[in-house]
Amino acid sequence: MSSRLQQKYSQDFYAWALNTAELLRQGKFSDVDIEHVAEEIESMGRSDKRELLNRLAILLAHLLKWQFQPERRGNSWKYTIKTQRFDITELLSESPSLNRELEKQLNHAYEKALLIAINETGLSQNTFPKKSPFTLNQCLDKQFFPE
């Protein structure tokens, strides 16, 4: 691999990506910047995981808002909950191995959800449970809305 390709990666990622894709299509594997290709593939996986956890945190925050501010319930919250469920399901169908991560990361996503809910509701942290009152199955259940 040439130092020109390494330089292109650090100076112009877009050009590097296009050039690398073309080299792969042409079968010129010895010319490919393998180390950076591997880094980018790993980064894509981490990005999907982060997106999944962010969506779960937003979903949990809205479920908390729904439960703890019933007087403020409205279509906006309802459709945010439905949208997050839809998007999580779609991400999981595209990358089923992320299912394992969801259960493991529920508590971590809940910590972020608490911050969102506290910020958006103005309620005290003591208002909300320390651990998620919702199971993963409840979070993803299209019919579930806490009362």
Foldseek 3Di string as FASTA:
>chain_A
DDVVLVVCCVPPVVVSVVVQVVCVVVVVVVPHPVVVVVVVVVVVVVVLLVVLLLLLLQLLLLLVCCALVVVPDDPVSLVSLVVSLVVNVVSCVVPVVCVVVCQVCQFVSPVSSLVVNCVVVVDDSVSDDNGRPDHPCLSNDNPHRHD
